[in-house]
Amino acid sequence: MRSITAVPMRNGPAPAGQGSGGQGSAARVKPAGPRAPLDRLRVRDRIESIARLRAAVRALGDVDVSGWDDATLTDHLDELSRALCGIDAELTRVAEAVRARGFRIAEPRAA
């Protein structure tokens, strides 16, 4: 969203029907958005949070335990279980916080 502020023209009178007193005006567009450094920092933090979530999705996409033999899976089962339960708990926490605000989490439509 942008706000528009009227600024006097420097090139003389305005065309007929514009402005008053022989002097026209032009619109200068100012970006609307966070002005304080703290607001900009918060926006950047939010963008980075989403980027970290996307990176986690990509990282999980690279995990393929189907090729692990039973001995390897058995050796790493406790560690894998803790990681998966941790991921599940954090995903649940974020999803519940979104839903608590009255928003719905929808699966993306297939392209």
PDB file of N, CA and C in Angstrom:
ATOM      1  N   MET A   1       0.851  -1.163   0.000  1.00  0.00           N
ATOM      2  CA  MET A   1       0.000   0.000   0.000  1.00  0.00           C
ATOM      3  C   MET A   1       0.897   1.226   0.000  1.00  0.00           C
ATOM      4  N   ARG A   2       0.515   2.247  -0.761  1.00  0.00           N
ATOM      5  CA  ARG A   2       1.299   3.470  -0.832  1.00  0.00           C
ATOM      6  C   ARG A   2       0.422   4.649  -0.476  1.00  0.00           C
ATOM      7  N   SER A   3       1.043   5.657   0.100  1.00  0.00           N
ATOM      8  CA  SER A   3       0.297   6.877   0.372  1.00  0.00           C
ATOM      9  C   SER A   3       0.714   7.922  -0.655  1.00  0.00           C
ATOM     10  N   ILE A   4      -0.194   8.812  -0.986  1.00  0.00           N
ATOM     11  CA  ILE A   4       0.084   9.848  -1.976  1.00  0.00           C
ATOM     12  C   ILE A   4       0.035  11.190  -1.277  1.00  0.00           C
ATOM     13  N   THR A   5       1.070  11.985  -1.521  1.00  0.00           N
ATOM     14  CA  THR A   5       1.148  13.309  -0.931  1.00  0.00           C
ATOM     15  C   THR A   5       1.234  14.328  -2.062  1.00  0.00           C
ATOM     16  N   ALA A   6       0.412  15.358  -2.007  1.00  0.00           N
ATOM     17  CA  ALA A   6       0.450  16.398  -3.029  1.00  0.00           C
ATOM     18  C   ALA A   6       1.643  17.309  -2.786  1.00  0.00           C
ATOM     19  N   VAL A   7       2.369  17.635  -3.887  1.00  0.00           N
ATOM     20  CA  VAL A   7       3.535  18.505  -3.796  1.00  0.00           C
ATOM     21  C   VAL A   7       3.394  19.574  -4.868  1.00  0.00           C
ATOM     22  N   PRO A   8       3.706  20.854  -4.553  1.00  0.00           N
ATOM     23  CA  PRO A   8       3.583  21.905  -5.562  1.00  0.00           C
ATOM     24  C   PRO A   8       4.478  21.627  -6.763  1.00  0.00           C
ATOM     25  N   MET A   9       3.967  21.960  -7.965  1.00  0.00           N
ATOM     26  CA  MET A   9       4.767  21.807  -9.181  1.00  0.00           C
ATOM     27  C   MET A   9       5.724  22.974  -9.295  1.00  0.00           C
ATOM     28  N   ARG A  10       6.820  22.776  -9.964  1.00  0.00           N
ATOM     29  CA  ARG A  10       7.807  23.840 -10.139  1.00  0.00           C
ATOM     30  C   ARG A  10       7.779  24.379 -11.559  1.00  0.00           C
ATOM     31  N   ASN A  11       6.976  23.821 -12.428  1.00  0.00           N
ATOM     32  CA  ASN A  11       7.002  24.194 -13.838  1.00  0.00           C
ATOM     33  C   ASN A  11       5.916  25.198 -14.213  1.00  0.00           C
ATOM     34  N   GLY A  12       5.421  25.954 -13.292  1.00  0.00           N
ATOM     35  CA  GLY A  12       4.436  26.958 -13.632  1.00  0.00           C
ATOM     36  C   GLY A  12       3.020  26.502 -13.386  1.00  0.00           C
ATOM     37  N   PRO A  13       2.068  27.144 -14.053  1.00  0.00           N
ATOM     38  CA  PRO A  13       0.655  26.879 -13.798  1.00  0.00           C
ATOM     39  C   PRO A  13       0.233  25.483 -14.250  1.00  0.00           C
ATOM     40  N   ALA A  14      -0.817  25.020 -13.599  1.00  0.00           N
ATOM     41  CA  ALA A  14      -1.376  23.713 -13.924  1.00  0.00           C
ATOM     42  C   ALA A  14      -2.275  23.825 -15.126  1.00  0.00           C
ATOM     43  N   PRO A  15      -2.480  22.729 -15.835  1.00  0.00           N
ATOM     44  CA  PRO A  15      -3.446  22.736 -16.939  1.00  0.00           C
ATOM     45  C   PRO A  15      -4.832  23.077 -16.408  1.00  0.00           C
ATOM     46  N   ALA A  16      -5.695  23.518 -17.300  1.00  0.00           N
ATOM     47  CA  ALA A  16      -7.036  23.937 -16.904  1.00  0.00           C
ATOM     48  C   ALA A  16      -7.732  22.850 -16.108  1.00  0.00           C
ATOM     49  N   GLY A  17      -8.375  23.269 -15.010  1.00  0.00           N
ATOM     50  CA  GLY A  17      -9.146  22.346 -14.197  1.00  0.00           C
ATOM     51  C   GLY A  17      -8.337  21.692 -13.095  1.00  0.00           C
ATOM     52  N   GLN A  18      -7.049  21.978 -12.991  1.00  0.00           N
ATOM     53  CA  GLN A  18      -6.241  21.373 -11.939  1.00  0.00           C
ATOM     54  C   GLN A  18      -5.680  22.459 -11.043  1.00  0.00           C
ATOM     55  N   GLY A  19      -5.579  22.150  -9.770  1.00  0.00           N
ATOM     56  CA  GLY A  19      -4.955  23.065  -8.831  1.00  0.00           C
ATOM     57  C   GLY A  19      -5.793  24.292  -8.587  1.00  0.00           C
ATOM     58  N   SER A  20      -5.244  25.232  -7.830  1.00  0.00           N
ATOM     59  CA  SER A  20      -5.946  26.474  -7.574  1.00  0.00           C
ATOM     60  C   SER A  20      -4.952  27.605  -7.583  1.00  0.00           C
ATOM     61  N   GLY A  21      -5.440  28.783  -7.897  1.00  0.00           N
ATOM     62  CA  GLY A  21      -4.585  29.959  -7.879  1.00  0.00           C
ATOM     63  C   GLY A  21      -3.503  29.917  -8.933  1.00  0.00           C
ATOM     64  N   GLY A  22      -3.699  29.164 -10.035  1.00  0.00           N
ATOM     65  CA  GLY A  22      -2.726  29.165 -11.102  1.00  0.00           C
ATOM     66  C   GLY A  22      -1.555  28.229 -10.854  1.00  0.00           C
ATOM     67  N   GLN A  23      -1.494  27.621  -9.700  1.00  0.00           N
ATOM     68  CA  GLN A  23      -0.384  26.707  -9.461  1.00  0.00           C
ATOM     69  C   GLN A  23      -0.923  25.299  -9.333  1.00  0.00           C
ATOM     70  N   GLY A  24      -0.356  24.386 -10.080  1.00  0.00           N
ATOM     71  CA  GLY A  24      -0.823  23.007 -10.069  1.00  0.00           C
ATOM     72  C   GLY A  24      -0.128  22.210  -8.985  1.00  0.00           C
ATOM     73  N   SER A  25      -0.453  20.957  -8.955  1.00  0.00           N
ATOM     74  CA  SER A  25       0.205  20.076  -8.009  1.00  0.00           C
ATOM     75  C   SER A  25       0.451  18.733  -8.677  1.00  0.00           C
ATOM     76  N   ALA A  26       1.461  18.057  -8.218  1.00  0.00           N
ATOM     77  CA  ALA A  26       1.781  16.721  -8.720  1.00  0.00           C
ATOM     78  C   ALA A  26       1.755  15.767  -7.540  1.00  0.00           C
ATOM     79  N   ALA A  27       1.551  14.525  -7.815  1.00  0.00           N
ATOM     80  CA  ALA A  27       1.517  13.545  -6.736  1.00  0.00           C
ATOM     81  C   ALA A  27       2.877  12.876  -6.620  1.00  0.00           C
ATOM     82  N   ARG A  28       3.386  12.820  -5.431  1.00  0.00           N
ATOM     83  CA  ARG A  28       4.632  12.095  -5.160  1.00  0.00           C
ATOM     84  C   ARG A  28       4.240  10.870  -4.348  1.00  0.00           C
ATOM     85  N   VAL A  29       4.637   9.711  -4.817  1.00  0.00           N
ATOM     86  CA  VAL A  29       4.283   8.478  -4.141  1.00  0.00           C
ATOM     87  C   VAL A  29       5.358   8.158  -3.111  1.00  0.00           C
ATOM     88  N   LYS A  30       4.907   7.970  -1.884  1.00  0.00           N
ATOM     89  CA  LYS A  30       5.807   7.572  -0.808  1.00  0.00           C
ATOM     90  C   LYS A  30       5.444   6.148  -0.418  1.00  0.00           C
ATOM     91  N   PRO A  31       6.427   5.286  -0.329  1.00  0.00           N
ATOM     92  CA  PRO A  31       6.083   3.925   0.096  1.00  0.00           C
ATOM     93  C   PRO A  31       5.559   3.922   1.522  1.00  0.00           C
ATOM     94  N   ALA A  32       4.481   3.220   1.724  1.00  0.00           N
ATOM     95  CA  ALA A  32       3.952   3.070   3.079  1.00  0.00           C
ATOM     96  C   ALA A  32       4.499   1.761   3.628  1.00  0.00           C
ATOM     97  N   GLY A  33       4.865   1.765   4.858  1.00  0.00           N
ATOM     98  CA  GLY A  33       5.406   0.567   5.459  1.00  0.00           C
ATOM     99  C   GLY A  33       6.132   0.916   6.730  1.00  0.00           C
ATOM    100  N   PRO A  34       6.883  -0.030   7.238  1.00  0.00           N
ATOM    101  CA  PRO A  34       7.574   0.219   8.498  1.00  0.00           C
ATOM    102  C   PRO A  34       8.544   1.381   8.370  1.00  0.00           C
ATOM    103  N   ARG A  35       8.468   2.300   9.282  1.00  0.00           N
ATOM    104  CA  ARG A  35       9.343   3.466   9.227  1.00  0.00           C
ATOM    105  C   ARG A  35      10.433   3.377  10.278  1.00  0.00           C
ATOM    106  N   ALA A  36      10.117   2.837  11.408  1.00  0.00           N
ATOM    107  CA  ALA A  36      11.093   2.762  12.477  1.00  0.00           C
ATOM    108  C   ALA A  36      12.035   1.591  12.223  1.00  0.00           C
ATOM    109  N   PRO A  37      13.307   1.743  12.585  1.00  0.00           N
ATOM    110  CA  PRO A  37      14.247   0.635  12.395  1.00  0.00           C
ATOM    111  C   PRO A  37      13.785  -0.650  13.080  1.00  0.00           C
ATOM    112  N   LEU A  38      13.148  -0.526  14.243  1.00  0.00           N
ATOM    113  CA  LEU A  38      12.668  -1.709  14.948  1.00  0.00           C
ATOM    114  C   LEU A  38      11.584  -2.419  14.142  1.00  0.00           C
ATOM    115  N   ASP A  39      10.696  -1.660  13.486  1.00  0.00           N
ATOM    116  CA  ASP A  39       9.667  -2.260  12.647  1.00  0.00           C
ATOM    117  C   ASP A  39      10.294  -2.996  11.464  1.00  0.00           C
ATOM    118  N   ARG A  40      11.309  -2.378  10.843  1.00  0.00           N
ATOM    119  CA  ARG A  40      11.984  -3.032   9.720  1.00  0.00           C
ATOM    120  C   ARG A  40      12.667  -4.310  10.187  1.00  0.00           C
ATOM    121  N   LEU A  41      13.253  -4.278  11.383  1.00  0.00           N
ATOM    122  CA  LEU A  41      13.909  -5.456  11.935  1.00  0.00           C
ATOM    123  C   LEU A  41      12.896  -6.577  12.156  1.00  0.00           C
ATOM    124  N   ARG A  42      11.727  -6.236  12.661  1.00  0.00           N
ATOM    125  CA  ARG A  42      10.692  -7.252  12.887  1.00  0.00           C
ATOM    126  C   ARG A  42      10.232  -7.863  11.574  1.00  0.00           C
ATOM    127  N   VAL A  43      10.068  -7.056  10.540  1.00  0.00           N
ATOM    128  CA  VAL A  43       9.654  -7.570   9.236  1.00  0.00           C
ATOM    129  C   VAL A  43      10.734  -8.503   8.696  1.00  0.00           C
ATOM    130  N   ARG A  44      11.985  -8.096   8.811  1.00  0.00           N
ATOM    131  CA  ARG A  44      13.085  -8.939   8.334  1.00  0.00           C
ATOM    132  C   ARG A  44      13.126 -10.260   9.103  1.00  0.00           C
ATOM    133  N   ASP A  45      12.917 -10.200  10.420  1.00  0.00           N
ATOM    134  CA  ASP A  45      12.896 -11.427  11.227  1.00  0.00           C
ATOM    135  C   ASP A  45      11.785 -12.364  10.773  1.00  0.00           C
ATOM    136  N   ARG A  46      10.630 -11.808  10.442  1.00  0.00           N
ATOM    137  CA  ARG A  46       9.501 -12.638   9.991  1.00  0.00           C
ATOM    138  C   ARG A  46       9.811 -13.287   8.655  1.00  0.00           C
ATOM    139  N   ILE A  47      10.404 -12.529   7.749  1.00  0.00           N
ATOM    140  CA  ILE A  47      10.773 -13.069   6.442  1.00  0.00           C
ATOM    141  C   ILE A  47      11.817 -14.172   6.614  1.00  0.00           C
ATOM    142  N   GLU A  48      12.785 -13.934   7.493  1.00  0.00           N
ATOM    143  CA  GLU A  48      13.817 -14.943   7.744  1.00  0.00           C
ATOM    144  C   GLU A  48      13.224 -16.190   8.398  1.00  0.00           C
ATOM    145  N   SER A  49      12.210 -16.022   9.240  1.00  0.00           N
ATOM    146  CA  SER A  49      11.548 -17.183   9.856  1.00  0.00           C
ATOM    147  C   SER A  49      10.909 -18.067   8.802  1.00  0.00           C
ATOM    148  N   ILE A  50      10.246 -17.457   7.844  1.00  0.00           N
ATOM    149  CA  ILE A  50       9.619 -18.231   6.766  1.00  0.00           C
ATOM    150  C   ILE A  50      10.690 -18.906   5.925  1.00  0.00           C
ATOM    151  N   ALA A  51      11.795 -18.211   5.683  1.00  0.00           N
ATOM    152  CA  ALA A  51      12.891 -18.806   4.914  1.00  0.00           C
ATOM    153  C   ALA A  51      13.472 -20.017   5.653  1.00  0.00           C
ATOM    154  N   ARG A  52      13.581 -19.931   6.990  1.00  0.00           N
ATOM    155  CA  ARG A  52      14.080 -21.069   7.760  1.00  0.00           C
ATOM    156  C   ARG A  52      13.111 -22.251   7.688  1.00  0.00           C
ATOM    157  N   LEU A  53      11.799 -21.970   7.713  1.00  0.00           N
ATOM    158  CA  LEU A  53      10.811 -23.051   7.572  1.00  0.00           C
ATOM    159  C   LEU A  53      10.948 -23.725   6.207  1.00  0.00           C
ATOM    160  N   ARG A  54      11.122 -22.932   5.166  1.00  0.00           N
ATOM    161  CA  ARG A  54      11.297 -23.504   3.823  1.00  0.00           C
ATOM    162  C   ARG A  54      12.572 -24.332   3.740  1.00  0.00           C
ATOM    163  N   ALA A  55      13.639 -23.867   4.384  1.00  0.00           N
ATOM    164  CA  ALA A  55      14.900 -24.618   4.403  1.00  0.00           C
ATOM    165  C   ALA A  55      14.713 -25.952   5.129  1.00  0.00           C
ATOM    166  N   ALA A  56      13.916 -25.941   6.206  1.00  0.00           N
ATOM    167  CA  ALA A  56      13.646 -27.186   6.931  1.00  0.00           C
ATOM    168  C   ALA A  56      12.883 -28.161   6.047  1.00  0.00           C
ATOM    169  N   VAL A  57      11.939 -27.667   5.285  1.00  0.00           N
ATOM    170  CA  VAL A  57      11.181 -28.531   4.370  1.00  0.00           C
ATOM    171  C   VAL A  57      12.126 -29.143   3.338  1.00  0.00           C
ATOM    172  N   ARG A  58      13.022 -28.312   2.773  1.00  0.00           N
ATOM    173  CA  ARG A  58      13.985 -28.835   1.791  1.00  0.00           C
ATOM    174  C   ARG A  58      14.892 -29.886   2.436  1.00  0.00           C
ATOM    175  N   ALA A  59      15.354 -29.617   3.664  1.00  0.00           N
ATOM    176  CA  ALA A  59      16.232 -30.560   4.359  1.00  0.00           C
ATOM    177  C   ALA A  59      15.518 -31.886   4.599  1.00  0.00           C
ATOM    178  N   LEU A  60      14.260 -31.823   5.009  1.00  0.00           N
ATOM    179  CA  LEU A  60      13.502 -33.060   5.224  1.00  0.00           C
ATOM    180  C   LEU A  60      13.272 -33.796   3.909  1.00  0.00           C
ATOM    181  N   GLY A  61      13.117 -33.049   2.841  1.00  0.00           N
ATOM    182  CA  GLY A  61      12.946 -33.673   1.527  1.00  0.00           C
ATOM    183  C   GLY A  61      14.163 -34.469   1.095  1.00  0.00           C
ATOM    184  N   ASP A  62      15.329 -34.110   1.632  1.00  0.00           N
ATOM    185  CA  ASP A  62      16.558 -34.825   1.296  1.00  0.00           C
ATOM    186  C   ASP A  62      16.737 -36.110   2.107  1.00  0.00           C
ATOM    187  N   VAL A  63      15.923 -36.311   3.144  1.00  0.00           N
ATOM    188  CA  VAL A  63      16.058 -37.495   3.993  1.00  0.00           C
ATOM    189  C   VAL A  63      15.287 -38.643   3.353  1.00  0.00           C
ATOM    190  N   ASP A  64      16.000 -39.750   3.134  1.00  0.00           N
ATOM    191  CA  ASP A  64      15.368 -40.938   2.557  1.00  0.00           C
ATOM    192  C   ASP A  64      15.881 -42.155   3.311  1.00  0.00           C
ATOM    193  N   VAL A  65      15.087 -42.633   4.243  1.00  0.00           N
ATOM    194  CA  VAL A  65      15.499 -43.792   5.041  1.00  0.00           C
ATOM    195  C   VAL A  65      15.150 -45.112   4.356  1.00  0.00           C
ATOM    196  N   SER A  66      14.475 -45.038   3.220  1.00  0.00           N
ATOM    197  CA  SER A  66      14.086 -46.287   2.545  1.00  0.00           C
ATOM    198  C   SER A  66      15.308 -47.076   2.077  1.00  0.00           C
ATOM    199  N   GLY A  67      16.414 -46.406   1.857  1.00  0.00           N
ATOM    200  CA  GLY A  67      17.622 -47.096   1.419  1.00  0.00           C
ATOM    201  C   GLY A  67      18.504 -47.577   2.562  1.00  0.00           C
ATOM    202  N   TRP A  68      18.131 -47.253   3.791  1.00  0.00           N
ATOM    203  CA  TRP A  68      18.925 -47.693   4.941  1.00  0.00           C
ATOM    204  C   TRP A  68      18.647 -49.164   5.205  1.00  0.00           C
ATOM    205  N   ASP A  69      19.707 -49.901   5.519  1.00  0.00           N
ATOM    206  CA  ASP A  69      19.479 -51.293   5.899  1.00  0.00           C
ATOM    207  C   ASP A  69      18.954 -51.338   7.332  1.00  0.00           C
ATOM    208  N   ASP A  70      18.430 -52.472   7.723  1.00  0.00           N
ATOM    209  CA  ASP A  70      17.819 -52.614   9.043  1.00  0.00           C
ATOM    210  C   ASP A  70      18.790 -52.332  10.183  1.00  0.00           C
ATOM    211  N   ALA A  71      20.042 -52.736  10.024  1.00  0.00           N
ATOM    212  CA  ALA A  71      21.036 -52.524  11.081  1.00  0.00           C
ATOM    213  C   ALA A  71      21.292 -51.029  11.281  1.00  0.00           C
ATOM    214  N   THR A  72      21.406 -50.290  10.184  1.00  0.00           N
ATOM    215  CA  THR A  72      21.629 -48.843  10.274  1.00  0.00           C
ATOM    216  C   THR A  72      20.424 -48.159  10.892  1.00  0.00           C
ATOM    217  N   LEU A  73      19.239 -48.543  10.440  1.00  0.00           N
ATOM    218  CA  LEU A  73      18.016 -47.953  10.992  1.00  0.00           C
ATOM    219  C   LEU A  73      17.899 -48.259  12.485  1.00  0.00           C
ATOM    220  N   THR A  74      18.226 -49.470  12.880  1.00  0.00           N
ATOM    221  CA  THR A  74      18.181 -49.844  14.294  1.00  0.00           C
ATOM    222  C   THR A  74      19.182 -49.028  15.104  1.00  0.00           C
ATOM    223  N   ASP A  75      20.393 -48.844  14.549  1.00  0.00           N
ATOM    224  CA  ASP A  75      21.433 -48.071  15.243  1.00  0.00           C
ATOM    225  C   ASP A  75      21.023 -46.620  15.468  1.00  0.00           C
ATOM    226  N   HIS A  76      20.271 -46.062  14.549  1.00  0.00           N
ATOM    227  CA  HIS A  76      19.924 -44.641  14.608  1.00  0.00           C
ATOM    228  C   HIS A  76      18.467 -44.386  14.978  1.00  0.00           C
ATOM    229  N   LEU A  77      17.746 -45.431  15.345  1.00  0.00           N
ATOM    230  CA  LEU A  77      16.315 -45.306  15.593  1.00  0.00           C
ATOM    231  C   LEU A  77      15.987 -44.349  16.736  1.00  0.00           C
ATOM    232  N   ASP A  78      16.717 -44.414  17.836  1.00  0.00           N
ATOM    233  CA  ASP A  78      16.446 -43.498  18.956  1.00  0.00           C
ATOM    234  C   ASP A  78      16.657 -42.051  18.546  1.00  0.00           C
ATOM    235  N   GLU A  79      17.766 -41.797  17.883  1.00  0.00           N
ATOM    236  CA  GLU A  79      18.071 -40.434  17.441  1.00  0.00           C
ATOM    237  C   GLU A  79      17.054 -39.942  16.414  1.00  0.00           C
ATOM    238  N   LEU A  80      16.712 -40.793  15.480  1.00  0.00           N
ATOM    239  CA  LEU A  80      15.716 -40.460  14.461  1.00  0.00           C
ATOM    240  C   LEU A  80      14.363 -40.195  15.101  1.00  0.00           C
ATOM    241  N   SER A  81      13.985 -41.031  16.055  1.00  0.00           N
ATOM    242  CA  SER A  81      12.700 -40.851  16.746  1.00  0.00           C
ATOM    243  C   SER A  81      12.644 -39.512  17.489  1.00  0.00           C
ATOM    244  N   ARG A  82      13.737 -39.170  18.196  1.00  0.00           N
ATOM    245  CA  ARG A  82      13.768 -37.884  18.911  1.00  0.00           C
ATOM    246  C   ARG A  82      13.641 -36.711  17.945  1.00  0.00           C
ATOM    247  N   ALA A  83      14.356 -36.800  16.824  1.00  0.00           N
ATOM    248  CA  ALA A  83      14.303 -35.710  15.835  1.00  0.00           C
ATOM    249  C   ALA A  83      12.897 -35.583  15.249  1.00  0.00           C
ATOM    250  N   LEU A  84      12.295 -36.708  14.876  1.00  0.00           N
ATOM    251  CA  LEU A  84      10.949 -36.671  14.287  1.00  0.00           C
ATOM    252  C   LEU A  84       9.909 -36.173  15.284  1.00  0.00           C
ATOM    253  N   CYS A  85      10.021 -36.601  16.538  1.00  0.00           N
ATOM    254  CA  CYS A  85       9.079 -36.122  17.562  1.00  0.00           C
ATOM    255  C   CYS A  85       9.269 -34.630  17.816  1.00  0.00           C
ATOM    256  N   GLY A  86      10.514 -34.158  17.783  1.00  0.00           N
ATOM    257  CA  GLY A  86      10.785 -32.728  17.953  1.00  0.00           C
ATOM    258  C   GLY A  86      10.204 -31.905  16.815  1.00  0.00           C
ATOM    259  N   ILE A  87      10.377 -32.405  15.593  1.00  0.00           N
ATOM    260  CA  ILE A  87       9.809 -31.720  14.425  1.00  0.00           C
ATOM    261  C   ILE A  87       8.292 -31.676  14.529  1.00  0.00           C
ATOM    262  N   ASP A  88       7.701 -32.797  14.888  1.00  0.00           N
ATOM    263  CA  ASP A  88       6.245 -32.876  15.027  1.00  0.00           C
ATOM    264  C   ASP A  88       5.742 -31.891  16.081  1.00  0.00           C
ATOM    265  N   ALA A  89       6.421 -31.833  17.217  1.00  0.00           N
ATOM    266  CA  ALA A  89       5.995 -30.930  18.296  1.00  0.00           C
ATOM    267  C   ALA A  89       6.087 -29.467  17.863  1.00  0.00           C
ATOM    268  N   GLU A  90       7.160 -29.101  17.168  1.00  0.00           N
ATOM    269  CA  GLU A  90       7.311 -27.707  16.737  1.00  0.00           C
ATOM    270  C   GLU A  90       6.320 -27.340  15.641  1.00  0.00           C
ATOM    271  N   LEU A  91       6.079 -28.254  14.715  1.00  0.00           N
ATOM    272  CA  LEU A  91       5.077 -27.994  13.675  1.00  0.00           C
ATOM    273  C   LEU A  91       3.690 -27.816  14.291  1.00  0.00           C
ATOM    274  N   THR A  92       3.373 -28.659  15.263  1.00  0.00           N
ATOM    275  CA  THR A  92       2.091 -28.559  15.948  1.00  0.00           C
ATOM    276  C   THR A  92       1.969 -27.222  16.671  1.00  0.00           C
ATOM    277  N   ARG A  93       3.049 -26.807  17.334  1.00  0.00           N
ATOM    278  CA  ARG A  93       3.047 -25.530  18.067  1.00  0.00           C
ATOM    279  C   ARG A  93       2.785 -24.358  17.129  1.00  0.00           C
ATOM    280  N   VAL A  94       3.482 -24.324  15.991  1.00  0.00           N
ATOM    281  CA  VAL A  94       3.305 -23.218  15.043  1.00  0.00           C
ATOM    282  C   VAL A  94       1.899 -23.255  14.440  1.00  0.00           C
ATOM    283  N   ALA A  95       1.436 -24.437  14.049  1.00  0.00           N
ATOM    284  CA  ALA A  95       0.099 -24.556  13.456  1.00  0.00           C
ATOM    285  C   ALA A  95      -0.983 -24.152  14.444  1.00  0.00           C
ATOM    286  N   GLU A  96      -0.863 -24.558  15.706  1.00  0.00           N
ATOM    287  CA  GLU A  96      -1.856 -24.183  16.708  1.00  0.00           C
ATOM    288  C   GLU A  96      -1.855 -22.676  16.964  1.00  0.00           C
ATOM    289  N   ALA A  97      -0.687 -22.052  16.925  1.00  0.00           N
ATOM    290  CA  ALA A  97      -0.620 -20.596  17.113  1.00  0.00           C
ATOM    291  C   ALA A  97      -1.321 -19.868  15.967  1.00  0.00           C
ATOM    292  N   VAL A  98      -1.165 -20.389  14.753  1.00  0.00           N
ATOM    293  CA  VAL A  98      -1.843 -19.792  13.592  1.00  0.00           C
ATOM    294  C   VAL A  98      -3.348 -19.974  13.726  1.00  0.00           C
ATOM    295  N   ARG A  99      -3.771 -21.166  14.072  1.00  0.00           N
ATOM    296  CA  ARG A  99      -5.209 -21.450  14.214  1.00  0.00           C
ATOM    297  C   ARG A  99      -5.833 -20.687  15.377  1.00  0.00           C
ATOM    298  N   ALA A 100      -5.069 -20.487  16.443  1.00  0.00           N
ATOM    299  CA  ALA A 100      -5.583 -19.736  17.595  1.00  0.00           C
ATOM    300  C   ALA A 100      -5.900 -18.296  17.231  1.00  0.00           C
ATOM    301  N   ARG A 101      -5.251 -17.792  16.189  1.00  0.00           N
ATOM    302  CA  ARG A 101      -5.523 -16.429  15.727  1.00  0.00           C
ATOM    303  C   ARG A 101      -6.704 -16.385  14.767  1.00  0.00           C
ATOM    304  N   GLY A 102      -7.311 -17.549  14.510  1.00  0.00           N
ATOM    305  CA  GLY A 102      -8.497 -17.594  13.653  1.00  0.00           C
ATOM    306  C   GLY A 102      -8.190 -17.848  12.191  1.00  0.00           C
ATOM    307  N   PHE A 103      -6.950 -18.195  11.872  1.00  0.00           N
ATOM    308  CA  PHE A 103      -6.581 -18.460  10.487  1.00  0.00           C
ATOM    309  C   PHE A 103      -6.615 -19.956  10.224  1.00  0.00           C
ATOM    310  N   ARG A 104      -6.773 -20.294   8.973  1.00  0.00           N
ATOM    311  CA  ARG A 104      -6.851 -21.674   8.557  1.00  0.00           C
ATOM    312  C   ARG A 104      -5.574 -22.017   7.805  1.00  0.00           C
ATOM    313  N   ILE A 105      -5.034 -23.186   8.042  1.00  0.00           N
ATOM    314  CA  ILE A 105      -3.866 -23.636   7.317  1.00  0.00           C
ATOM    315  C   ILE A 105      -4.365 -24.543   6.194  1.00  0.00           C
ATOM    316  N   ALA A 106      -4.118 -24.147   4.975  1.00  0.00           N
ATOM    317  CA  ALA A 106      -4.605 -24.893   3.823  1.00  0.00           C
ATOM    318  C   ALA A 106      -3.429 -25.472   3.058  1.00  0.00           C
ATOM    319  N   GLU A 107      -3.622 -26.665   2.528  1.00  0.00           N
ATOM    320  CA  GLU A 107      -2.587 -27.262   1.692  1.00  0.00           C
ATOM    321  C   GLU A 107      -2.564 -26.538   0.357  1.00  0.00           C
ATOM    322  N   PRO A 108      -1.362 -26.317  -0.173  1.00  0.00           N
ATOM    323  CA  PRO A 108      -1.275 -25.642  -1.479  1.00  0.00           C
ATOM    324  C   PRO A 108      -1.922 -26.501  -2.562  1.00  0.00           C
ATOM    325  N   ARG A 109      -2.527 -25.833  -3.504  1.00  0.00           N
ATOM    326  CA  ARG A 109      -3.153 -26.546  -4.631  1.00  0.00           C
ATOM    327  C   ARG A 109      -2.072 -27.021  -5.586  1.00  0.00           C
ATOM    328  N   ALA A 110      -2.313 -28.165  -6.194  1.00  0.00           N
ATOM    329  CA  ALA A 110      -1.361 -28.682  -7.182  1.00  0.00           C
ATOM    330  C   ALA A 110      -1.329 -27.764  -8.382  1.00  0.00           C
ATOM    331  N   ALA A 111      -0.149 -27.563  -8.917  1.00  0.00           N
ATOM    332  CA  ALA A 111       0.006 -26.642 -10.055  1.00  0.00           C
ATOM    333  C   ALA A 111      -0.392 -27.278 -11.354  1.00  0.00           C
TER     334      ALA A 111
END
